[in-house]
Amino acid sequence: MYGLIGCMRAVSGRRDELADILVAQTKAMPGCRSYVIARDPQDVDAIWITEVWDDAASHQASLALPHVQATIAMARPLIAGFSSRVETAPLGGLI
């Protein structure tokens, strides 16, 4: 399995709007076992995204899906940047 944990930074004061777009637009993606969007309780502009995929190729392929491209286009004006990104090798658990 392939995992990613990343912190997305919203334009100041627009985190909830960005999170709402990401949650509403999340749809099934081939090879995706888990895709969780969470607010950071300590940082009013941060969103954490935790992903588990069958493999890195599945993740890479998802970026070309039409609904993913549309979500990126909607969210881009609200994204200030990314402050952290970690690749992981999930072993299992409740997914």
C-alpha atoms as a PDB file:
ATOM      1  CA  MET A   1       0.000   0.000   0.000  1.00  0.00           C
ATOM      2  CA  TYR A   2       0.948   3.630  -0.470  1.00  0.00           C
ATOM      3  CA  GLY A   3       0.014   6.467   1.875  1.00  0.00           C
ATOM      4  CA  LEU A   4       0.194  10.226   1.953  1.00  0.00           C
ATOM      5  CA  ILE A   5      -0.394  12.621   4.808  1.00  0.00           C
ATOM      6  CA  GLY A   6      -0.302  16.283   3.901  1.00  0.00           C
ATOM      7  CA  CYS A   7      -1.150  19.656   5.339  1.00  0.00           C
ATOM      8  CA  MET A   8      -2.837  22.073   2.955  1.00  0.00           C
ATOM      9  CA  ARG A   9      -2.892  25.741   3.905  1.00  0.00           C
ATOM     10  CA  ALA A  10      -5.945  27.797   2.999  1.00  0.00           C
ATOM     11  CA  VAL A  11      -5.979  31.469   2.169  1.00  0.00           C
ATOM     12  CA  SER A  12      -6.470  33.223   5.517  1.00  0.00           C
ATOM     13  CA  GLY A  13     -10.031  32.909   6.764  1.00  0.00           C
ATOM     14  CA  ARG A  14     -11.146  30.547   3.954  1.00  0.00           C
ATOM     15  CA  ARG A  15     -10.293  27.142   5.408  1.00  0.00           C
ATOM     16  CA  ASP A  16     -13.888  26.015   5.907  1.00  0.00           C
ATOM     17  CA  GLU A  17     -14.810  26.991   2.360  1.00  0.00           C
ATOM     18  CA  LEU A  18     -11.828  25.027   1.018  1.00  0.00           C
ATOM     19  CA  ALA A  19     -12.618  22.023   3.213  1.00  0.00           C
ATOM     20  CA  ASP A  20     -16.255  22.072   2.083  1.00  0.00           C
ATOM     21  CA  ILE A  21     -15.182  21.934  -1.574  1.00  0.00           C
ATOM     22  CA  LEU A  22     -12.799  19.045  -0.932  1.00  0.00           C
ATOM     23  CA  VAL A  23     -15.355  17.048   1.066  1.00  0.00           C
ATOM     24  CA  ALA A  24     -18.204  17.655  -1.381  1.00  0.00           C
ATOM     25  CA  GLN A  25     -16.128  16.746  -4.427  1.00  0.00           C
ATOM     26  CA  THR A  26     -14.490  13.604  -3.043  1.00  0.00           C
ATOM     27  CA  LYS A  27     -15.719  10.660  -5.082  1.00  0.00           C
ATOM     28  CA  ALA A  28     -14.614   7.084  -5.627  1.00  0.00           C
ATOM     29  CA  MET A  29     -11.178   6.823  -7.208  1.00  0.00           C
ATOM     30  CA  PRO A  30      -9.741   3.546  -8.511  1.00  0.00           C
ATOM     31  CA  GLY A  31      -7.173   2.185  -6.066  1.00  0.00           C
ATOM     32  CA  CYS A  32      -8.122   4.569  -3.239  1.00  0.00           C
ATOM     33  CA  ARG A  33      -8.776   2.766   0.033  1.00  0.00           C
ATOM     34  CA  SER A  34      -9.179   5.825   2.251  1.00  0.00           C
ATOM     35  CA  TYR A  35      -9.280   9.600   1.718  1.00  0.00           C
ATOM     36  CA  VAL A  36      -9.876  11.689   4.837  1.00  0.00           C
ATOM     37  CA  ILE A  37     -10.055  15.479   5.042  1.00  0.00           C
ATOM     38  CA  ALA A  38      -9.729  17.029   8.513  1.00  0.00           C
ATOM     39  CA  ARG A  39      -9.498  20.488  10.045  1.00  0.00           C
ATOM     40  CA  ASP A  40      -6.440  21.183  12.185  1.00  0.00           C
ATOM     41  CA  PRO A  41      -7.780  22.160  15.640  1.00  0.00           C
ATOM     42  CA  GLN A  42      -4.601  24.152  16.392  1.00  0.00           C
ATOM     43  CA  ASP A  43      -4.318  26.111  13.121  1.00  0.00           C
ATOM     44  CA  VAL A  44      -7.312  27.999  11.694  1.00  0.00           C
ATOM     45  CA  ASP A  45      -5.940  27.879   8.134  1.00  0.00           C
ATOM     46  CA  ALA A  46      -4.774  24.239   7.972  1.00  0.00           C
ATOM     47  CA  ILE A  47      -6.417  21.132   6.540  1.00  0.00           C
ATOM     48  CA  TRP A  48      -4.888  17.656   6.827  1.00  0.00           C
ATOM     49  CA  ILE A  49      -5.474  15.114   4.079  1.00  0.00           C
ATOM     50  CA  THR A  50      -4.740  11.464   4.822  1.00  0.00           C
ATOM     51  CA  GLU A  51      -4.773   9.050   1.880  1.00  0.00           C
ATOM     52  CA  VAL A  52      -4.285   5.296   1.491  1.00  0.00           C
ATOM     53  CA  TRP A  53      -3.887   3.819  -1.997  1.00  0.00           C
ATOM     54  CA  ASP A  54      -3.227   0.377  -3.425  1.00  0.00           C
ATOM     55  CA  ASP A  55       0.029   1.768  -4.805  1.00  0.00           C
ATOM     56  CA  ALA A  56       1.725   5.012  -5.867  1.00  0.00           C
ATOM     57  CA  ALA A  57       0.633   4.482  -9.481  1.00  0.00           C
ATOM     58  CA  SER A  58      -3.039   4.542  -8.428  1.00  0.00           C
ATOM     59  CA  HIS A  59      -2.479   7.854  -6.670  1.00  0.00           C
ATOM     60  CA  GLN A  60      -0.688   9.322  -9.661  1.00  0.00           C
ATOM     61  CA  ALA A  61      -3.421   8.139 -12.048  1.00  0.00           C
ATOM     62  CA  SER A  62      -6.111   9.757  -9.882  1.00  0.00           C
ATOM     63  CA  LEU A  63      -4.688  13.202 -10.636  1.00  0.00           C
ATOM     64  CA  ALA A  64      -5.834  12.844 -14.264  1.00  0.00           C
ATOM     65  CA  LEU A  65      -9.456  11.943 -13.431  1.00  0.00           C
ATOM     66  CA  PRO A  66     -11.918  14.587 -14.685  1.00  0.00           C
ATOM     67  CA  HIS A  67     -13.596  15.061 -11.281  1.00  0.00           C
ATOM     68  CA  VAL A  68     -10.199  15.425  -9.578  1.00  0.00           C
ATOM     69  CA  GLN A  69      -9.107  18.014 -12.151  1.00  0.00           C
ATOM     70  CA  ALA A  70     -12.392  19.901 -11.614  1.00  0.00           C
ATOM     71  CA  THR A  71     -11.901  19.854  -7.831  1.00  0.00           C
ATOM     72  CA  ILE A  72      -8.351  21.167  -8.179  1.00  0.00           C
ATOM     73  CA  ALA A  73      -9.635  24.012 -10.379  1.00  0.00           C
ATOM     74  CA  MET A  74     -12.344  24.943  -7.838  1.00  0.00           C
ATOM     75  CA  ALA A  75      -9.998  24.734  -4.858  1.00  0.00           C
ATOM     76  CA  ARG A  76      -6.888  26.378  -6.339  1.00  0.00           C
ATOM     77  CA  PRO A  77      -7.930  30.008  -5.584  1.00  0.00           C
ATOM     78  CA  LEU A  78      -8.404  29.073  -1.910  1.00  0.00           C
ATOM     79  CA  ILE A  79      -5.078  27.243  -1.471  1.00  0.00           C
ATOM     80  CA  ALA A  80      -2.261  29.295   0.033  1.00  0.00           C
ATOM     81  CA  GLY A  81       0.219  26.417  -0.064  1.00  0.00           C
ATOM     82  CA  PHE A  82       1.321  23.195   1.551  1.00  0.00           C
ATOM     83  CA  SER A  83       3.265  23.061   4.796  1.00  0.00           C
ATOM     84  CA  SER A  84       3.920  19.353   5.188  1.00  0.00           C
ATOM     85  CA  ARG A  85       3.810  16.168   3.115  1.00  0.00           C
ATOM     86  CA  VAL A  86       4.832  12.688   4.183  1.00  0.00           C
ATOM     87  CA  GLU A  87       4.724   9.447   2.188  1.00  0.00           C
ATOM     88  CA  THR A  88       3.944   6.356   4.219  1.00  0.00           C
ATOM     89  CA  ALA A  89       3.751   2.602   3.706  1.00  0.00           C
ATOM     90  CA  PRO A  90       0.495   1.575   5.423  1.00  0.00           C
ATOM     91  CA  LEU A  91       0.525  -1.895   6.963  1.00  0.00           C
ATOM     92  CA  GLY A  92      -3.190  -2.241   7.658  1.00  0.00           C
ATOM     93  CA  GLY A  93      -5.806  -1.297  10.180  1.00  0.00           C
ATOM     94  CA  LEU A  94      -9.360  -0.120   9.946  1.00  0.00           C
ATOM     95  CA  ILE A  95      -9.785   1.445   6.539  1.00  0.00           C
END
